[in-house]
Amino acid sequence: MLPERQRPAPRPGVTTPLLECVPNVSEGRSPAALRALERTLAAVPGLHLLDLAPDPDHHRSVVTLAGRAPALRDGVLALFGWAAEHVDLRRHRGVHPRVGAVDVVPFVPLAGATMADAVAAAVDTAAAVAERFALPVYLYEEAARSPQRRLLSDIRRGQFEGFAAKIAQPEWAPDFGPARVHESLGVTVVGARFFLLAVNARLATSDVTVARAIAHAVREATGGLPGVRALGLYLDSRGCA
C-alpha cells in the first residue's frame, strides 16, 4: 500500500473542480504487475496516485486517484493500457465478482466539484475508453441512463463468464463501444457517486454461508439498511469467511 500523499492546495483563482477516481482492477497478486501500474500512473501529468491496495484473495486492487477531469481521463486511459498488457480475464480467478480487467471506474466530487462535474467526467472518460480500446462500457449510479443500470450489482450479475449472452440482449447493449465482450478485458463500468466506506469483516468461522446470511440481512437490496451493499466471501489465505 502506498503512503498517503497530501493533495496540492489549489492555487488562488483556480476554480477547476477537483475529483477523485477509484478504479478497481482485476489484479491483486503480482507485485511486478502492480509496480508497473504505479509507474504507468506516475507518468501521467497532473495525476495524483493516493493509494494502491491489492487483495490476493479477491485478486483485485483498488486504486485511488485525484486530479482535474482531463488528468483523470488520461490516467484511466493509461490504466487500461496497462491492463491490456497485464490482465487476461480468461485466466483470472478470484472470489470477488468482476466483469472487466478494469472492473469499475467511479468518479467522486471533491473540492469545488459537484456531482454534475463527476458525471461529466465519467461520461467523457467512458466514451474515450470505448473508442481507444474497442471496449463495451456501461454507465452506472449517478451517470446511469436507465434505472436498471444504476446499481453496479445488476450490471455485474453473471460476471465475465456470462456476459457474452447478456450483452446480446437488446436491453443490455452498452452505453459506449461494441456490443461484444472484449476477449481479455471483458467490459467495464464507469460512473459517478459520492464517497463510500468499504469494510472487510473477517468472521470467526470458515463457513461462507454464515457470511452470506449476514450480507443478505444487512444490504439494502435484500431488505436491510439503506445504502448498505454486502457480499459474503471465503478468504482462502486467511482460512475464514
Protein backbone atom coordinates (compact mmCIF):
# COMPACT_ATOMS: atom_id res chain seq x y z
CA MET A 1 0.00 0.00 0.00
CA LEU A 2 1.35 3.42 -0.91
CA PRO A 3 1.73 6.04 1.82
CA GLU A 4 -0.96 8.68 1.73
CA ARG A 5 0.13 11.76 -0.15
CA GLN A 6 -1.01 15.25 0.61
CA ARG A 7 -3.05 16.76 -2.17
CA PRO A 8 -1.69 20.04 -3.54
CA ALA A 9 -3.54 23.11 -2.35
CA PRO A 10 -5.49 24.87 -5.11
CA ARG A 11 -3.81 27.98 -6.45
CA PRO A 12 -5.64 31.30 -5.94
CA GLY A 13 -8.02 31.99 -8.78
CA VAL A 14 -8.11 28.40 -10.00
CA THR A 15 -11.67 27.09 -9.89
CA THR A 16 -11.34 23.88 -11.94
CA PRO A 17 -13.09 21.18 -9.88
CA LEU A 18 -11.01 18.54 -8.15
CA LEU A 19 -12.27 14.96 -8.48
CA GLU A 20 -11.39 11.57 -7.08
CA CYS A 21 -11.41 8.42 -9.20
CA VAL A 22 -11.29 4.92 -7.66
CA PRO A 23 -10.71 2.26 -10.36
CA ASN A 24 -10.86 -1.39 -9.28
CA VAL A 25 -8.59 -3.62 -11.36
CA SER A 26 -8.61 -7.41 -11.61
CA GLU A 27 -5.03 -7.94 -10.45
CA GLY A 28 -4.08 -8.35 -6.82
CA ARG A 29 -1.34 -10.97 -6.77
CA SER A 30 1.56 -9.96 -9.00
CA PRO A 31 3.98 -7.47 -7.38
CA ALA A 32 5.65 -6.89 -10.75
CA ALA A 33 2.38 -6.02 -12.45
CA LEU A 34 1.38 -3.67 -9.63
CA ARG A 35 4.78 -1.93 -9.70
CA ALA A 36 4.27 -1.44 -13.44
CA LEU A 37 0.86 0.08 -12.69
CA GLU A 38 2.42 2.54 -10.24
CA ARG A 39 5.00 3.58 -12.85
CA THR A 40 2.31 3.95 -15.51
CA LEU A 41 0.18 6.24 -13.37
CA ALA A 42 3.15 8.25 -12.06
CA ALA A 43 3.96 9.22 -15.66
CA VAL A 44 0.60 10.97 -16.24
CA PRO A 45 0.92 14.77 -15.81
CA GLY A 46 -1.40 16.26 -13.19
CA LEU A 47 -2.48 12.88 -11.83
CA HIS A 48 -2.05 12.09 -8.12
CA LEU A 49 -1.88 8.45 -7.08
CA LEU A 50 -3.08 8.45 -3.45
CA ASP A 51 -3.28 4.73 -2.78
CA LEU A 52 -2.96 1.27 -4.32
CA ALA A 53 -4.48 -1.50 -2.20
CA PRO A 54 -4.20 -5.10 -3.52
CA ASP A 55 -6.08 -8.12 -2.17
CA PRO A 56 -4.81 -11.55 -3.26
CA ASP A 57 -7.99 -13.44 -2.31
CA HIS A 58 -10.13 -11.04 -4.30
CA HIS A 59 -7.39 -10.95 -7.00
CA ARG A 60 -8.24 -7.29 -7.22
CA SER A 61 -6.67 -3.93 -6.39
CA VAL A 62 -8.34 -0.64 -5.52
CA VAL A 63 -6.57 2.39 -6.99
CA THR A 64 -7.29 5.86 -5.59
CA LEU A 65 -6.54 8.80 -7.87
CA ALA A 66 -7.18 12.54 -7.60
CA GLY A 67 -6.89 15.42 -10.04
CA ARG A 68 -8.74 17.52 -12.55
CA ALA A 69 -11.02 15.78 -15.02
CA PRO A 70 -8.60 15.80 -18.02
CA ALA A 71 -5.77 14.30 -15.94
CA LEU A 72 -8.08 11.63 -14.53
CA ARG A 73 -9.29 10.73 -18.03
CA ASP A 74 -5.67 10.39 -19.21
CA GLY A 75 -4.86 8.36 -16.12
CA VAL A 76 -7.74 5.96 -16.69
CA LEU A 77 -6.73 5.53 -20.34
CA ALA A 78 -3.18 4.75 -19.22
CA LEU A 79 -4.56 2.29 -16.68
CA PHE A 80 -6.50 0.46 -19.41
CA GLY A 81 -3.31 0.33 -21.48
CA TRP A 82 -1.58 -1.31 -18.51
CA ALA A 83 -4.48 -3.78 -18.13
CA ALA A 84 -4.24 -4.77 -21.80
CA GLU A 85 -0.65 -5.91 -21.09
CA HIS A 86 -1.04 -7.44 -17.63
CA VAL A 87 -4.59 -8.78 -17.17
CA ASP A 88 -6.41 -11.51 -19.09
CA LEU A 89 -9.82 -12.37 -17.65
CA ARG A 90 -9.80 -15.75 -19.41
CA ARG A 91 -7.17 -16.81 -16.86
CA HIS A 92 -8.36 -14.73 -13.92
CA ARG A 93 -9.81 -16.35 -10.79
CA GLY A 94 -10.69 -14.55 -7.57
CA VAL A 95 -13.52 -14.55 -5.04
CA HIS A 96 -14.76 -11.04 -5.86
CA PRO A 97 -17.32 -10.65 -8.71
CA ARG A 98 -15.94 -8.91 -11.83
CA VAL A 99 -16.84 -8.22 -15.44
CA GLY A 100 -13.70 -6.40 -16.53
CA ALA A 101 -9.93 -6.29 -16.27
CA VAL A 102 -10.64 -2.75 -15.15
CA ASP A 103 -13.88 -3.67 -13.46
CA VAL A 104 -15.35 -0.39 -12.28
CA VAL A 105 -14.29 3.28 -12.54
CA PRO A 106 -16.24 5.60 -10.21
CA PHE A 107 -15.73 9.38 -10.15
CA VAL A 108 -16.33 11.26 -6.90
CA PRO A 109 -16.66 15.06 -6.46
CA LEU A 110 -14.04 16.67 -4.19
CA ALA A 111 -13.08 20.30 -3.57
CA GLY A 112 -15.06 22.74 -5.66
CA ALA A 113 -16.78 19.96 -7.61
CA THR A 114 -20.43 18.96 -7.96
CA MET A 115 -21.96 15.61 -8.84
CA ALA A 116 -22.64 17.06 -12.29
CA ASP A 117 -18.88 17.54 -12.71
CA ALA A 118 -18.28 13.91 -11.72
CA VAL A 119 -20.96 12.69 -14.15
CA ALA A 120 -19.47 14.76 -16.98
CA ALA A 121 -16.00 13.34 -16.28
CA ALA A 122 -17.40 9.80 -16.17
CA VAL A 123 -19.22 10.15 -19.50
CA ASP A 124 -16.19 11.74 -21.19
CA THR A 125 -13.88 9.02 -19.88
CA ALA A 126 -16.30 6.22 -20.78
CA ALA A 127 -16.50 7.44 -24.38
CA ALA A 128 -12.70 7.74 -24.63
CA VAL A 129 -12.11 4.23 -23.22
CA ALA A 130 -14.66 2.68 -25.61
CA GLU A 131 -13.11 4.40 -28.61
CA ARG A 132 -9.47 3.66 -27.82
CA PHE A 133 -9.85 0.05 -26.69
CA ALA A 134 -12.95 -1.11 -28.65
CA LEU A 135 -14.43 -1.98 -25.27
CA PRO A 136 -18.09 -2.11 -24.16
CA VAL A 137 -18.68 0.47 -21.43
CA TYR A 138 -21.69 0.77 -19.11
CA LEU A 139 -22.60 3.87 -17.11
CA TYR A 140 -23.83 3.39 -13.53
CA GLU A 141 -25.04 5.19 -10.38
CA GLU A 142 -25.43 8.96 -10.95
CA ALA A 143 -24.24 8.63 -14.56
CA ALA A 144 -26.70 5.82 -15.42
CA ARG A 145 -29.01 6.40 -18.37
CA SER A 146 -31.65 3.89 -17.26
CA PRO A 147 -32.86 2.66 -13.84
CA GLN A 148 -31.81 -0.97 -14.39
CA ARG A 149 -28.18 0.17 -14.81
CA ARG A 150 -27.97 2.31 -11.71
CA LEU A 151 -26.75 -0.50 -9.43
CA LEU A 152 -23.33 -1.98 -10.10
CA SER A 153 -24.51 -5.38 -8.85
CA ASP A 154 -27.20 -5.51 -11.55
CA ILE A 155 -24.70 -4.79 -14.32
CA ARG A 156 -22.14 -7.22 -12.92
CA ARG A 157 -24.60 -10.10 -12.44
CA GLY A 158 -23.40 -13.09 -14.48
CA GLN A 159 -19.80 -11.86 -14.35
CA PHE A 160 -17.33 -12.03 -17.22
CA GLU A 161 -18.12 -15.65 -17.99
CA GLY A 162 -21.83 -14.94 -18.51
CA PHE A 163 -21.59 -11.57 -20.20
CA ALA A 164 -21.45 -12.77 -23.81
CA ALA A 165 -25.06 -13.95 -23.51
CA LYS A 166 -26.09 -10.88 -21.51
CA ILE A 167 -24.69 -8.31 -23.92
CA ALA A 168 -26.59 -9.95 -26.80
CA GLN A 169 -29.88 -8.90 -25.19
CA PRO A 170 -31.14 -5.55 -26.55
CA GLU A 171 -31.73 -4.18 -23.05
CA TRP A 172 -28.05 -4.79 -22.22
CA ALA A 173 -26.49 -3.05 -25.22
CA PRO A 174 -23.55 -0.99 -23.87
CA ASP A 175 -23.74 2.78 -23.48
CA PHE A 176 -20.50 3.09 -25.44
CA GLY A 177 -18.47 0.72 -27.57
CA PRO A 178 -19.25 -2.51 -29.41
CA ALA A 179 -21.94 -4.94 -28.30
CA ARG A 180 -19.44 -7.76 -27.81
CA VAL A 181 -17.27 -8.71 -24.87
CA HIS A 182 -13.56 -8.00 -25.30
CA GLU A 183 -11.80 -11.37 -25.19
CA SER A 184 -9.29 -10.43 -22.48
CA LEU A 185 -10.52 -7.14 -20.99
CA GLY A 186 -14.21 -8.07 -20.75
CA VAL A 187 -16.39 -4.99 -20.30
CA THR A 188 -16.12 -2.05 -17.91
CA VAL A 189 -18.46 0.03 -15.78
CA VAL A 190 -17.90 3.78 -15.36
CA GLY A 191 -19.96 6.10 -13.21
CA ALA A 192 -20.23 8.82 -10.59
CA ARG A 193 -21.09 8.52 -6.91
CA PHE A 194 -20.43 10.07 -3.54
CA PHE A 195 -17.93 8.58 -1.09
CA LEU A 196 -18.38 5.08 0.25
CA LEU A 197 -16.72 3.31 3.14
CA ALA A 198 -15.57 -0.23 2.38
CA VAL A 199 -15.17 -2.60 5.35
CA ASN A 200 -13.89 -6.19 5.27
CA ALA A 201 -15.21 -8.03 8.35
CA ARG A 202 -13.39 -11.31 8.95
CA LEU A 203 -15.66 -13.74 10.80
CA ALA A 204 -14.65 -16.36 13.37
CA THR A 205 -15.78 -19.13 11.02
CA SER A 206 -14.82 -20.64 7.69
CA ASP A 207 -18.48 -21.22 6.79
CA VAL A 208 -19.22 -18.84 3.93
CA THR A 209 -22.96 -19.48 4.27
CA VAL A 210 -22.81 -17.54 7.55
CA ALA A 211 -21.18 -14.57 5.79
CA ARG A 212 -23.77 -14.70 3.01
CA ALA A 213 -26.63 -14.79 5.52
CA ILE A 214 -25.24 -11.70 7.25
CA ALA A 215 -24.79 -9.93 3.91
CA HIS A 216 -28.38 -10.77 2.95
CA ALA A 217 -29.64 -9.37 6.26
CA VAL A 218 -27.78 -6.04 6.14
CA ARG A 219 -27.76 -4.98 2.48
CA GLU A 220 -30.36 -2.59 1.14
CA ALA A 221 -31.21 -4.66 -1.95
CA THR A 222 -32.50 -7.56 0.19
CA GLY A 223 -34.37 -5.53 2.77
CA GLY A 224 -31.54 -4.39 5.01
CA LEU A 225 -30.09 -0.98 5.81
CA PRO A 226 -30.36 1.97 3.38
CA GLY A 227 -27.21 2.46 1.31
CA VAL A 228 -25.53 -0.74 2.50
CA ARG A 229 -24.12 -3.24 0.00
CA ALA A 230 -22.63 -6.53 1.12
CA LEU A 231 -21.14 -9.80 -0.11
CA GLY A 232 -20.27 -13.00 1.74
CA LEU A 233 -16.95 -14.46 0.55
CA TYR A 234 -14.42 -17.10 1.65
CA LEU A 235 -10.84 -15.87 2.06
CA ASP A 236 -8.51 -18.78 1.40
CA SER A 237 -5.35 -17.03 2.60
CA ARG A 238 -6.94 -16.32 5.97
CA GLY A 239 -8.99 -19.50 6.29
CA CYS A 240 -12.15 -17.61 7.18
CA ALA A 241 -15.32 -16.10 5.74
